[in-house]
């Protein structure tokens, strides 16, 4: 019980520290979450983190809160999920409450407006950094690169949920074809080789 309580406190404190410094929302949180959970705590692998961030964007809600819930659940079950969500949400709630009460006293102040302009520009850099970090583990071959390059412009015209749904369908279809053994002219040669040692003998589509 003491060990579990210590782990839950660590989860809470980790997300409690991340939340107040993550200007720009959930996407700006991604680099900090990965650094704390993967690099420092070693609670999850980089591949696990990529899966968590992908899942976090396929369900309703903010990416930061969703990521905290998934990560907390993987570390310590339902209690971990609730603890992580509490840790990531509490600082933001308190900060928003304080800003809401003080906004009427500082709105329109030129120095404050200038600060927010600079912060918004900085957030763009943070989001791009997060995208690059995720791309290193998410883009593993030509197919995933194609999905990424096609998905980015599609987001300007199609709802993100539809883009994610289509991407998932493409992955399912390609995986189905990839697992089918090649049956071309040299099929006997392919059957004799161990597919697990030679994954190139499996095709992405007919004749490939």
N, C-alpha and C. Protein backbone atom coordinates (compact mmCIF):
# COMPACT_ATOMS: atom_id res chain seq x y z
N UNK A 1 0.83 -1.21 0.00
CA UNK A 1 0.00 0.00 0.00
C UNK A 1 0.86 1.25 0.00
N UNK A 2 1.93 1.23 0.80
CA UNK A 2 2.80 2.39 0.85
C UNK A 2 3.48 2.62 -0.50
N UNK A 3 3.90 1.52 -1.13
CA UNK A 3 4.55 1.63 -2.43
C UNK A 3 3.59 2.18 -3.48
N UNK A 4 2.35 1.71 -3.46
CA UNK A 4 1.36 2.20 -4.41
C UNK A 4 1.05 3.67 -4.15
N UNK A 5 0.93 4.04 -2.87
CA UNK A 5 0.68 5.44 -2.53
C UNK A 5 1.81 6.34 -2.97
N UNK A 6 3.04 5.84 -2.85
CA UNK A 6 4.21 6.62 -3.29
C UNK A 6 4.19 6.80 -4.81
N UNK A 7 3.85 5.72 -5.52
CA UNK A 7 3.80 5.80 -6.98
C UNK A 7 2.70 6.77 -7.44
N UNK A 8 1.54 6.73 -6.79
CA UNK A 8 0.45 7.64 -7.14
C UNK A 8 0.83 9.09 -6.88
N UNK A 9 1.53 9.32 -5.79
CA UNK A 9 1.98 10.69 -5.50
C UNK A 9 2.98 11.16 -6.55
N UNK A 10 3.87 10.26 -6.99
CA UNK A 10 4.83 10.62 -8.02
C UNK A 10 4.12 10.98 -9.33
N UNK A 11 3.08 10.19 -9.65
CA UNK A 11 2.31 10.49 -10.87
C UNK A 11 1.64 11.85 -10.75
N UNK A 12 0.99 12.08 -9.60
CA UNK A 12 0.32 13.37 -9.38
C UNK A 12 1.30 14.52 -9.46
N UNK A 13 2.43 14.40 -8.80
CA UNK A 13 3.39 15.52 -8.74
C UNK A 13 4.03 15.77 -10.11
N UNK A 14 4.26 14.69 -10.85
CA UNK A 14 4.86 14.84 -12.19
C UNK A 14 3.95 15.67 -13.10
N UNK A 15 2.68 15.33 -13.14
CA UNK A 15 1.75 16.08 -13.99
C UNK A 15 1.40 17.44 -13.40
N UNK A 16 1.45 17.54 -12.09
CA UNK A 16 1.20 18.83 -11.44
C UNK A 16 2.29 19.84 -11.83
N UNK A 17 3.54 19.36 -11.98
CA UNK A 17 4.65 20.24 -12.38
C UNK A 17 4.57 20.62 -13.85
N UNK A 18 4.10 19.68 -14.68
CA UNK A 18 4.05 19.93 -16.12
C UNK A 18 2.98 20.94 -16.49
N UNK A 19 1.82 20.83 -15.89
CA UNK A 19 0.65 21.61 -16.29
C UNK A 19 0.85 23.13 -16.27
N UNK A 20 1.36 23.74 -15.20
CA UNK A 20 1.41 25.20 -15.17
C UNK A 20 2.43 25.84 -16.10
N UNK A 21 3.38 25.08 -16.62
CA UNK A 21 4.38 25.66 -17.52
C UNK A 21 4.11 25.33 -18.98
N UNK A 22 3.00 24.68 -19.26
CA UNK A 22 2.68 24.26 -20.63
C UNK A 22 1.75 25.27 -21.29
N UNK A 23 2.28 26.42 -21.65
CA UNK A 23 1.49 27.41 -22.38
C UNK A 23 1.22 26.88 -23.78
N UNK A 24 -0.03 27.03 -24.22
CA UNK A 24 -0.38 26.60 -25.57
C UNK A 24 -1.23 25.35 -25.62
N UNK A 25 -1.63 24.84 -24.47
CA UNK A 25 -2.53 23.70 -24.47
C UNK A 25 -1.82 22.36 -24.51
N UNK A 26 -2.59 21.32 -24.83
CA UNK A 26 -2.11 19.96 -24.76
C UNK A 26 -0.92 19.66 -25.66
N UNK A 27 -0.92 20.21 -26.88
CA UNK A 27 0.18 19.92 -27.80
C UNK A 27 1.50 20.47 -27.27
N UNK A 28 1.47 21.61 -26.62
CA UNK A 28 2.68 22.17 -26.03
C UNK A 28 3.14 21.34 -24.84
N UNK A 29 2.25 20.54 -24.28
CA UNK A 29 2.58 19.68 -23.14
C UNK A 29 3.35 18.44 -23.55
N UNK A 30 3.19 18.03 -24.80
CA UNK A 30 3.73 16.75 -25.26
C UNK A 30 5.24 16.61 -25.01
N UNK A 31 6.07 17.60 -25.40
CA UNK A 31 7.52 17.43 -25.15
C UNK A 31 7.85 17.27 -23.67
N UNK A 32 7.16 18.02 -22.81
CA UNK A 32 7.43 17.94 -21.38
C UNK A 32 6.98 16.60 -20.81
N UNK A 33 5.83 16.12 -21.26
CA UNK A 33 5.34 14.82 -20.80
C UNK A 33 6.31 13.72 -21.20
N UNK A 34 6.76 13.76 -22.46
CA UNK A 34 7.68 12.72 -22.93
C UNK A 34 9.00 12.77 -22.16
N UNK A 35 9.48 13.98 -21.88
CA UNK A 35 10.75 14.11 -21.16
C UNK A 35 10.64 13.56 -19.75
N UNK A 36 9.53 13.85 -19.07
CA UNK A 36 9.36 13.41 -17.69
C UNK A 36 9.07 11.90 -17.61
N UNK A 37 8.14 11.43 -18.44
CA UNK A 37 7.68 10.05 -18.34
C UNK A 37 8.66 9.07 -18.97
N UNK A 38 9.22 9.43 -20.11
CA UNK A 38 10.10 8.51 -20.84
C UNK A 38 11.58 8.68 -20.45
N UNK A 39 12.08 9.90 -20.50
CA UNK A 39 13.51 10.11 -20.31
C UNK A 39 13.92 10.10 -18.83
N UNK A 40 13.12 10.74 -17.98
CA UNK A 40 13.50 10.83 -16.57
C UNK A 40 12.99 9.66 -15.74
N UNK A 41 11.69 9.42 -15.78
CA UNK A 41 11.09 8.38 -14.93
C UNK A 41 11.24 6.97 -15.51
N UNK A 42 11.37 6.86 -16.83
CA UNK A 42 11.46 5.55 -17.49
C UNK A 42 10.22 4.70 -17.25
N UNK A 43 9.08 5.34 -17.09
CA UNK A 43 7.84 4.61 -16.85
C UNK A 43 7.31 3.96 -18.12
N UNK A 44 7.48 4.65 -19.26
CA UNK A 44 7.02 4.11 -20.54
C UNK A 44 8.11 4.27 -21.58
N UNK A 45 8.09 3.42 -22.60
CA UNK A 45 9.05 3.54 -23.69
C UNK A 45 8.60 4.63 -24.66
N UNK A 46 9.48 4.99 -25.57
CA UNK A 46 9.14 6.01 -26.57
C UNK A 46 8.02 5.54 -27.48
N UNK A 47 8.02 4.27 -27.83
CA UNK A 47 6.93 3.73 -28.66
C UNK A 47 5.60 3.79 -27.91
N UNK A 48 5.64 3.49 -26.62
CA UNK A 48 4.42 3.59 -25.81
C UNK A 48 3.90 5.03 -25.80
N UNK A 49 4.82 5.98 -25.69
CA UNK A 49 4.42 7.39 -25.66
C UNK A 49 3.78 7.79 -26.97
N UNK A 50 4.32 7.31 -28.08
CA UNK A 50 3.75 7.63 -29.39
C UNK A 50 2.33 7.09 -29.50
N UNK A 51 2.11 5.87 -29.01
CA UNK A 51 0.77 5.28 -29.03
C UNK A 51 -0.19 6.08 -28.15
N UNK A 52 0.29 6.50 -26.99
CA UNK A 52 -0.55 7.29 -26.07
C UNK A 52 -0.97 8.59 -26.72
N UNK A 53 -0.04 9.30 -27.35
CA UNK A 53 -0.36 10.58 -27.97
C UNK A 53 -1.31 10.39 -29.15
N UNK A 54 -1.15 9.29 -29.88
CA UNK A 54 -2.06 9.02 -30.99
C UNK A 54 -3.47 8.73 -30.48
N UNK A 55 -3.59 7.91 -29.44
CA UNK A 55 -4.89 7.61 -28.86
C UNK A 55 -5.54 8.85 -28.26
N UNK A 56 -4.72 9.72 -27.68
CA UNK A 56 -5.25 10.91 -27.01
C UNK A 56 -5.95 11.85 -27.98
N UNK A 57 -5.56 11.77 -29.25
CA UNK A 57 -6.16 12.65 -30.25
C UNK A 57 -7.37 12.03 -30.93
N UNK A 58 -7.64 10.75 -30.65
CA UNK A 58 -8.77 10.08 -31.29
C UNK A 58 -10.03 10.09 -30.43
N UNK A 59 -9.92 10.59 -29.21
CA UNK A 59 -11.08 10.64 -28.31
C UNK A 59 -11.37 12.09 -27.95
N UNK A 60 -12.61 12.39 -27.58
CA UNK A 60 -12.96 13.77 -27.21
C UNK A 60 -12.16 14.25 -26.01
N UNK A 61 -11.93 15.56 -25.97
CA UNK A 61 -11.22 16.14 -24.84
C UNK A 61 -9.87 16.69 -25.23
N UNK A 62 -9.24 17.39 -24.29
CA UNK A 62 -7.92 17.96 -24.54
C UNK A 62 -6.84 16.90 -24.61
N UNK A 63 -5.85 17.14 -25.46
CA UNK A 63 -4.77 16.17 -25.65
C UNK A 63 -3.98 15.99 -24.36
N UNK A 64 -3.74 17.07 -23.63
CA UNK A 64 -2.97 16.97 -22.40
C UNK A 64 -3.65 16.12 -21.34
N UNK A 65 -4.93 16.37 -21.13
CA UNK A 65 -5.69 15.60 -20.13
C UNK A 65 -5.84 14.15 -20.56
N UNK A 66 -6.14 13.94 -21.84
CA UNK A 66 -6.28 12.57 -22.35
C UNK A 66 -4.96 11.79 -22.20
N UNK A 67 -3.86 12.46 -22.54
CA UNK A 67 -2.56 11.81 -22.42
C UNK A 67 -2.27 11.44 -20.98
N UNK A 68 -2.58 12.35 -20.07
CA UNK A 68 -2.36 12.08 -18.64
C UNK A 68 -3.18 10.86 -18.20
N UNK A 69 -4.42 10.78 -18.66
CA UNK A 69 -5.28 9.65 -18.28
C UNK A 69 -4.72 8.33 -18.80
N UNK A 70 -4.33 8.30 -20.07
CA UNK A 70 -3.79 7.07 -20.66
C UNK A 70 -2.48 6.65 -19.98
N UNK A 71 -1.60 7.63 -19.76
CA UNK A 71 -0.32 7.33 -19.15
C UNK A 71 -0.51 6.84 -17.71
N UNK A 72 -1.34 7.55 -16.96
CA UNK A 72 -1.61 7.14 -15.59
C UNK A 72 -2.19 5.73 -15.51
N UNK A 73 -3.07 5.40 -16.46
CA UNK A 73 -3.68 4.07 -16.47
C UNK A 73 -2.65 3.00 -16.78
N UNK A 74 -1.74 3.28 -17.69
CA UNK A 74 -0.72 2.29 -18.04
C UNK A 74 0.25 2.07 -16.89
N UNK A 75 0.48 3.11 -16.10
CA UNK A 75 1.43 3.00 -14.99
C UNK A 75 0.80 2.34 -13.78
N UNK A 76 -0.42 2.76 -13.44
CA UNK A 76 -1.01 2.29 -12.18
C UNK A 76 -2.53 2.09 -12.25
N UNK A 77 -3.04 1.69 -13.40
CA UNK A 77 -4.45 1.37 -13.51
C UNK A 77 -5.37 2.56 -13.39
N UNK A 78 -6.60 2.31 -12.97
CA UNK A 78 -7.62 3.37 -12.87
C UNK A 78 -7.21 4.43 -11.87
N UNK A 79 -6.64 4.02 -10.74
CA UNK A 79 -6.19 5.00 -9.74
C UNK A 79 -5.12 5.91 -10.33
N UNK A 80 -4.24 5.33 -11.12
CA UNK A 80 -3.20 6.14 -11.76
C UNK A 80 -3.78 7.13 -12.75
N UNK A 81 -4.81 6.70 -13.49
CA UNK A 81 -5.46 7.60 -14.46
C UNK A 81 -6.12 8.78 -13.75
N UNK A 82 -6.86 8.48 -12.68
CA UNK A 82 -7.54 9.55 -11.93
C UNK A 82 -6.53 10.49 -11.29
N UNK A 83 -5.44 9.94 -10.78
CA UNK A 83 -4.40 10.76 -10.14
C UNK A 83 -3.72 11.67 -11.15
N UNK A 84 -3.41 11.12 -12.32
CA UNK A 84 -2.75 11.91 -13.36
C UNK A 84 -3.65 13.04 -13.86
N UNK A 85 -4.93 12.74 -14.06
CA UNK A 85 -5.88 13.76 -14.51
C UNK A 85 -6.02 14.86 -13.46
N UNK A 86 -6.07 14.48 -12.19
CA UNK A 86 -6.14 15.47 -11.11
C UNK A 86 -4.89 16.33 -11.09
N UNK A 87 -3.73 15.71 -11.28
CA UNK A 87 -2.48 16.46 -11.26
C UNK A 87 -2.36 17.45 -12.40
N UNK A 88 -2.80 17.04 -13.59
CA UNK A 88 -2.66 17.92 -14.75
C UNK A 88 -3.76 18.98 -14.80
N UNK A 89 -4.88 18.74 -14.14
CA UNK A 89 -6.02 19.67 -14.21
C UNK A 89 -6.01 20.71 -13.10
N UNK A 90 -5.55 20.34 -11.91
CA UNK A 90 -5.65 21.24 -10.76
C UNK A 90 -4.88 22.55 -10.95
N UNK A 91 -3.61 22.53 -11.40
CA UNK A 91 -2.91 23.81 -11.58
C UNK A 91 -3.59 24.72 -12.59
N UNK A 92 -4.05 24.13 -13.70
CA UNK A 92 -4.72 24.93 -14.72
C UNK A 92 -6.00 25.56 -14.18
N UNK A 93 -6.75 24.79 -13.43
CA UNK A 93 -7.99 25.31 -12.83
C UNK A 93 -7.70 26.49 -11.92
N UNK A 94 -6.69 26.36 -11.07
CA UNK A 94 -6.35 27.43 -10.13
C UNK A 94 -5.84 28.67 -10.86
N UNK A 95 -5.01 28.45 -11.91
CA UNK A 95 -4.47 29.58 -12.66
C UNK A 95 -5.57 30.32 -13.41
N UNK A 96 -6.46 29.56 -14.07
CA UNK A 96 -7.56 30.19 -14.80
C UNK A 96 -8.48 30.94 -13.86
N UNK A 97 -8.73 30.36 -12.69
CA UNK A 97 -9.57 31.03 -11.70
C UNK A 97 -8.94 32.35 -11.25
N UNK A 98 -7.63 32.33 -11.00
CA UNK A 98 -6.94 33.55 -10.57
C UNK A 98 -6.91 34.59 -11.68
N UNK A 99 -6.65 34.15 -12.91
CA UNK A 99 -6.62 35.09 -14.04
C UNK A 99 -7.99 35.68 -14.31
N UNK A 100 -9.02 34.83 -14.18
CA UNK A 100 -10.38 35.32 -14.39
C UNK A 100 -10.75 36.42 -13.41
N UNK A 101 -10.33 36.26 -12.16
CA UNK A 101 -10.64 37.26 -11.14
C UNK A 101 -9.84 38.54 -11.34
N UNK A 102 -8.62 38.41 -11.85
CA UNK A 102 -7.75 39.59 -11.99
C UNK A 102 -7.80 40.22 -13.38
N UNK A 103 -8.48 39.57 -14.33
CA UNK A 103 -8.48 40.06 -15.72
C UNK A 103 -9.03 41.47 -15.84
N UNK A 104 -10.07 41.76 -15.10
CA UNK A 104 -10.71 43.07 -15.21
C UNK A 104 -9.80 44.20 -14.75
N UNK A 105 -8.77 43.87 -13.99
CA UNK A 105 -7.86 44.89 -13.49
C UNK A 105 -6.67 45.13 -14.43
N UNK A 106 -6.37 44.16 -15.29
CA UNK A 106 -5.16 44.28 -16.13
C UNK A 106 -5.47 44.25 -17.62
N UNK A 107 -6.73 44.07 -18.03
CA UNK A 107 -7.04 43.98 -19.46
C UNK A 107 -6.69 45.28 -20.17
N UNK A 108 -6.14 45.13 -21.37
CA UNK A 108 -5.78 46.29 -22.17
C UNK A 108 -4.44 46.87 -21.85
N UNK A 109 -3.71 46.33 -20.87
CA UNK A 109 -2.40 46.84 -20.52
C UNK A 109 -1.42 46.53 -21.66
N UNK A 110 -0.73 47.52 -22.23
CA UNK A 110 0.12 47.30 -23.42
C UNK A 110 1.25 46.30 -23.19
N UNK A 111 1.87 46.32 -22.02
CA UNK A 111 2.97 45.39 -21.76
C UNK A 111 2.46 43.96 -21.67
N UNK A 112 1.30 43.80 -21.07
CA UNK A 112 0.71 42.46 -20.95
C UNK A 112 0.32 41.93 -22.32
N UNK A 113 -0.25 42.80 -23.17
CA UNK A 113 -0.63 42.38 -24.52
C UNK A 113 0.60 41.98 -25.32
N UNK A 114 1.69 42.72 -25.16
CA UNK A 114 2.94 42.40 -25.87
C UNK A 114 3.49 41.05 -25.41
N UNK A 115 3.38 40.78 -24.12
CA UNK A 115 3.86 39.50 -23.59
C UNK A 115 3.09 38.34 -24.19
N UNK A 116 1.77 38.48 -24.31
CA UNK A 116 0.94 37.40 -24.86
C UNK A 116 1.24 37.17 -26.34
N UNK A 117 1.56 38.23 -27.08
CA UNK A 117 1.92 38.08 -28.49
C UNK A 117 3.18 37.23 -28.62
N UNK A 118 4.17 37.51 -27.79
CA UNK A 118 5.42 36.75 -27.82
C UNK A 118 5.20 35.30 -27.40
N UNK A 119 4.36 35.10 -26.41
CA UNK A 119 4.08 33.74 -25.95
C UNK A 119 3.42 32.92 -27.05
N UNK A 120 2.49 33.53 -27.79
CA UNK A 120 1.81 32.80 -28.86
C UNK A 120 2.79 32.35 -29.93
N UNK A 121 3.77 33.19 -30.26
CA UNK A 121 4.77 32.82 -31.26
C UNK A 121 5.65 31.68 -30.74
N UNK A 122 6.02 31.75 -29.48
CA UNK A 122 6.86 30.71 -28.88
C UNK A 122 6.14 29.37 -28.88
N UNK A 123 4.83 29.40 -28.69
CA UNK A 123 4.04 28.16 -28.65
C UNK A 123 4.13 27.42 -29.98
N UNK A 124 4.21 28.16 -31.09
CA UNK A 124 4.34 27.53 -32.40
C UNK A 124 5.60 26.67 -32.45
N UNK A 125 6.70 27.21 -31.92
CA UNK A 125 7.96 26.46 -31.90
C UNK A 125 7.84 25.21 -31.04
N UNK A 126 7.14 25.30 -29.91
CA UNK A 126 6.98 24.16 -29.02
C UNK A 126 6.18 23.05 -29.70
N UNK A 127 5.11 23.44 -30.40
CA UNK A 127 4.28 22.46 -31.08
C UNK A 127 5.05 21.77 -32.22
N UNK A 128 5.85 22.54 -32.96
CA UNK A 128 6.66 21.96 -34.03
C UNK A 128 7.68 20.98 -33.46
N UNK A 129 8.26 21.34 -32.31
CA UNK A 129 9.22 20.44 -31.66
C UNK A 129 8.55 19.13 -31.27
N UNK A 130 7.33 19.23 -30.73
CA UNK A 130 6.59 18.03 -30.36
C UNK A 130 6.29 17.17 -31.58
N UNK A 131 5.93 17.81 -32.70
CA UNK A 131 5.64 17.07 -33.93
C UNK A 131 6.86 16.31 -34.43
N UNK A 132 8.02 16.95 -34.36
CA UNK A 132 9.26 16.30 -34.82
C UNK A 132 9.60 15.11 -33.94
N UNK A 133 9.44 15.27 -32.62
CA UNK A 133 9.74 14.17 -31.70
C UNK A 133 8.84 12.96 -31.96
N UNK A 134 7.55 13.20 -32.19
CA UNK A 134 6.62 12.11 -32.46
C UNK A 134 6.91 11.47 -33.81
N UNK A 135 7.27 12.31 -34.80
CA UNK A 135 7.52 11.80 -36.15
C UNK A 135 8.67 10.80 -36.17
N UNK A 136 9.64 10.97 -35.28
CA UNK A 136 10.80 10.08 -35.27
C UNK A 136 10.42 8.63 -34.98
N UNK A 137 9.35 8.42 -34.23
CA UNK A 137 8.92 7.05 -33.92
C UNK A 137 7.67 6.64 -34.70
N UNK A 138 6.89 7.62 -35.17
CA UNK A 138 5.65 7.30 -35.88
C UNK A 138 5.89 6.99 -37.35
N UNK A 139 6.83 7.69 -37.98
CA UNK A 139 7.13 7.46 -39.39
C UNK A 139 8.21 6.39 -39.49
N UNK A 140 7.80 5.19 -39.85
CA UNK A 140 8.72 4.05 -39.84
C UNK A 140 9.01 3.50 -41.23
N UNK A 141 8.22 3.91 -42.24
CA UNK A 141 8.44 3.42 -43.60
C UNK A 141 7.80 4.39 -44.59
N UNK A 142 7.79 4.01 -45.86
CA UNK A 142 7.24 4.89 -46.90
C UNK A 142 5.75 5.08 -46.75
N UNK A 143 5.06 4.03 -46.29
CA UNK A 143 3.61 4.12 -46.15
C UNK A 143 3.22 5.14 -45.08
N UNK A 144 3.86 5.05 -43.92
CA UNK A 144 3.54 5.99 -42.85
C UNK A 144 3.94 7.42 -43.23
N UNK A 145 5.01 7.54 -44.01
CA UNK A 145 5.40 8.88 -44.49
C UNK A 145 4.34 9.42 -45.44
N UNK A 146 3.82 8.57 -46.32
CA UNK A 146 2.78 8.99 -47.25
C UNK A 146 1.51 9.41 -46.51
N UNK A 147 1.13 8.62 -45.49
CA UNK A 147 -0.06 8.96 -44.70
C UNK A 147 0.10 10.31 -44.04
N UNK A 148 1.30 10.58 -43.52
CA UNK A 148 1.57 11.86 -42.87
C UNK A 148 1.49 13.03 -43.85
N UNK A 149 2.13 12.88 -45.01
CA UNK A 149 2.15 13.96 -45.99
C UNK A 149 0.76 14.21 -46.59
N UNK A 150 -0.05 13.17 -46.69
CA UNK A 150 -1.41 13.33 -47.20
C UNK A 150 -2.34 13.86 -46.13
N UNK A 151 -2.07 13.49 -44.88
CA UNK A 151 -2.96 13.89 -43.79
C UNK A 151 -2.87 15.35 -43.42
N UNK A 152 -1.67 15.93 -43.50
CA UNK A 152 -1.49 17.34 -43.10
C UNK A 152 -2.33 18.28 -43.95
N UNK A 153 -2.22 18.24 -45.29
CA UNK A 153 -3.09 19.13 -46.09
C UNK A 153 -4.57 18.80 -45.98
N UNK A 154 -4.88 17.51 -45.73
CA UNK A 154 -6.29 17.12 -45.62
C UNK A 154 -6.96 17.79 -44.42
N UNK A 155 -6.18 18.10 -43.40
CA UNK A 155 -6.73 18.73 -42.19
C UNK A 155 -7.30 20.12 -42.46
N UNK A 156 -6.85 20.74 -43.54
CA UNK A 156 -7.36 22.08 -43.88
C UNK A 156 -8.76 22.00 -44.49
N UNK A 157 -9.18 20.82 -44.92
CA UNK A 157 -10.45 20.69 -45.61
C UNK A 157 -11.40 19.69 -44.94
N UNK A 158 -10.85 18.77 -44.15
CA UNK A 158 -11.66 17.70 -43.55
C UNK A 158 -11.54 17.76 -42.03
N UNK A 159 -12.60 17.37 -41.35
CA UNK A 159 -12.58 17.34 -39.89
C UNK A 159 -11.49 16.36 -39.41
N UNK A 160 -10.74 16.73 -38.36
CA UNK A 160 -9.66 15.86 -37.87
C UNK A 160 -10.11 14.44 -37.55
N UNK A 161 -11.33 14.28 -37.03
CA UNK A 161 -11.82 12.94 -36.70
C UNK A 161 -11.88 12.07 -37.95
N UNK A 162 -12.33 12.66 -39.07
CA UNK A 162 -12.43 11.90 -40.32
C UNK A 162 -11.04 11.52 -40.81
N UNK A 163 -10.08 12.44 -40.68
CA UNK A 163 -8.70 12.16 -41.11
C UNK A 163 -8.12 11.02 -40.29
N UNK A 164 -8.33 11.06 -38.98
CA UNK A 164 -7.83 10.00 -38.10
C UNK A 164 -8.50 8.66 -38.43
N UNK A 165 -9.80 8.70 -38.68
CA UNK A 165 -10.54 7.47 -39.01
C UNK A 165 -10.03 6.86 -40.31
N UNK A 166 -9.82 7.70 -41.32
CA UNK A 166 -9.31 7.21 -42.60
C UNK A 166 -7.90 6.63 -42.43
N UNK A 167 -7.07 7.33 -41.65
CA UNK A 167 -5.72 6.83 -41.39
C UNK A 167 -5.74 5.46 -40.73
N UNK A 168 -6.66 5.28 -39.78
CA UNK A 168 -6.79 3.98 -39.13
C UNK A 168 -7.21 2.89 -40.10
N UNK A 169 -8.17 3.20 -40.98
CA UNK A 169 -8.61 2.22 -41.98
C UNK A 169 -7.47 1.83 -42.92
N UNK A 170 -6.69 2.83 -43.33
CA UNK A 170 -5.55 2.55 -44.22
C UNK A 170 -4.58 1.62 -43.53
N UNK A 171 -4.32 1.88 -42.25
CA UNK A 171 -3.40 1.02 -41.51
C UNK A 171 -3.89 -0.41 -41.42
N UNK A 172 -5.20 -0.59 -41.19
CA UNK A 172 -5.77 -1.94 -41.09
C UNK A 172 -5.66 -2.67 -42.43
N UNK A 173 -5.99 -1.98 -43.52
CA UNK A 173 -5.95 -2.60 -44.85
C UNK A 173 -4.52 -2.98 -45.22
N UNK A 174 -3.58 -2.06 -44.99
CA UNK A 174 -2.19 -2.34 -45.35
C UNK A 174 -1.60 -3.47 -44.52
N UNK A 175 -1.97 -3.52 -43.25
CA UNK A 175 -1.49 -4.60 -42.40
C UNK A 175 -2.02 -5.95 -42.89
N UNK A 176 -3.28 -5.96 -43.35
CA UNK A 176 -3.88 -7.20 -43.88
C UNK A 176 -3.10 -7.70 -45.08
N UNK A 177 -2.78 -6.79 -46.01
CA UNK A 177 -2.05 -7.20 -47.20
C UNK A 177 -0.61 -7.55 -46.88
N UNK A 178 -0.04 -6.85 -45.90
CA UNK A 178 1.36 -7.09 -45.56
C UNK A 178 1.57 -8.49 -45.02
N UNK A 179 0.57 -9.03 -44.33
CA UNK A 179 0.69 -10.36 -43.73
C UNK A 179 0.42 -11.48 -44.72
N UNK A 180 -0.06 -11.14 -45.92
CA UNK A 180 -0.31 -12.18 -46.92
C UNK A 180 0.99 -12.52 -47.64
N UNK A 181 1.36 -13.76 -47.73
CA UNK A 181 2.62 -14.13 -48.39
C UNK A 181 2.57 -13.81 -49.89
N UNK A 182 3.72 -13.48 -50.41
CA UNK A 182 3.82 -13.19 -51.84
C UNK A 182 3.57 -14.45 -52.66
N UNK A 183 2.77 -14.34 -53.72
CA UNK A 183 2.40 -15.52 -54.51
C UNK A 183 2.73 -15.33 -55.99
N UNK A 184 3.78 -14.60 -56.26
CA UNK A 184 4.16 -14.35 -57.64
C UNK A 184 4.96 -15.49 -58.25
N UNK A 185 5.76 -15.16 -59.26
CA UNK A 185 6.51 -16.17 -60.00
C UNK A 185 7.49 -16.92 -59.12
N UNK A 186 8.05 -16.25 -58.12
CA UNK A 186 9.04 -16.87 -57.25
C UNK A 186 8.45 -17.27 -55.91
N UNK A 187 7.18 -17.70 -55.91
CA UNK A 187 6.49 -18.00 -54.66
C UNK A 187 7.16 -19.14 -53.89
N UNK A 188 7.73 -20.15 -54.59
CA UNK A 188 8.38 -21.25 -53.90
C UNK A 188 9.57 -20.77 -53.08
N UNK A 189 10.29 -19.84 -53.66
CA UNK A 189 11.45 -19.30 -52.96
C UNK A 189 11.02 -18.54 -51.71
N UNK A 190 9.93 -17.81 -51.84
CA UNK A 190 9.43 -17.02 -50.71
C UNK A 190 8.91 -17.92 -49.61
N UNK A 191 8.28 -19.05 -49.99
CA UNK A 191 7.73 -19.94 -48.99
C UNK A 191 8.84 -20.62 -48.19
N UNK A 192 9.99 -20.84 -48.81
CA UNK A 192 11.07 -21.53 -48.15
C UNK A 192 11.78 -20.64 -47.13
N UNK A 193 11.66 -19.33 -47.28
CA UNK A 193 12.35 -18.42 -46.39
C UNK A 193 11.48 -18.09 -45.19
N UNK A 194 12.12 -17.79 -44.10
CA UNK A 194 11.40 -17.45 -42.87
C UNK A 194 10.97 -16.00 -42.94
N UNK A 195 9.65 -15.77 -42.97
CA UNK A 195 9.13 -14.41 -43.12
C UNK A 195 9.47 -13.54 -41.94
N UNK A 196 9.58 -14.15 -40.76
CA UNK A 196 9.91 -13.35 -39.59
C UNK A 196 11.32 -12.79 -39.66
N UNK A 197 12.21 -13.52 -40.33
CA UNK A 197 13.57 -13.04 -40.49
C UNK A 197 13.71 -12.16 -41.71
N UNK A 198 12.79 -12.30 -42.64
CA UNK A 198 12.86 -11.56 -43.89
C UNK A 198 11.54 -10.89 -44.16
N UNK A 199 11.17 -9.84 -43.44
CA UNK A 199 9.85 -9.22 -43.60
C UNK A 199 9.62 -8.61 -44.96
N UNK A 200 10.70 -8.43 -45.75
CA UNK A 200 10.53 -7.85 -47.09
C UNK A 200 9.82 -8.81 -48.02
N UNK A 201 9.72 -10.08 -47.61
CA UNK A 201 9.03 -11.06 -48.44
C UNK A 201 7.52 -10.96 -48.32
N UNK A 202 7.06 -10.07 -47.53
CA UNK A 202 5.63 -9.86 -47.38
C UNK A 202 5.26 -8.58 -48.09
N UNK A 203 4.15 -8.57 -48.75
CA UNK A 203 3.82 -7.45 -49.61
C UNK A 203 2.85 -6.48 -48.96
N UNK A 204 2.94 -5.23 -49.40
CA UNK A 204 1.96 -4.21 -48.99
C UNK A 204 0.73 -4.27 -49.89
N UNK A 205 0.90 -4.73 -51.10
CA UNK A 205 -0.23 -4.80 -52.02
C UNK A 205 0.10 -5.79 -53.12
N UNK A 206 -0.80 -6.00 -54.04
CA UNK A 206 -0.60 -6.99 -55.10
C UNK A 206 0.58 -6.60 -55.96
N UNK A 207 1.49 -7.56 -56.16
CA UNK A 207 2.60 -7.34 -57.06
C UNK A 207 3.69 -6.49 -56.47
N UNK A 208 3.66 -6.14 -55.17
CA UNK A 208 4.70 -5.29 -54.58
C UNK A 208 5.65 -6.17 -53.77
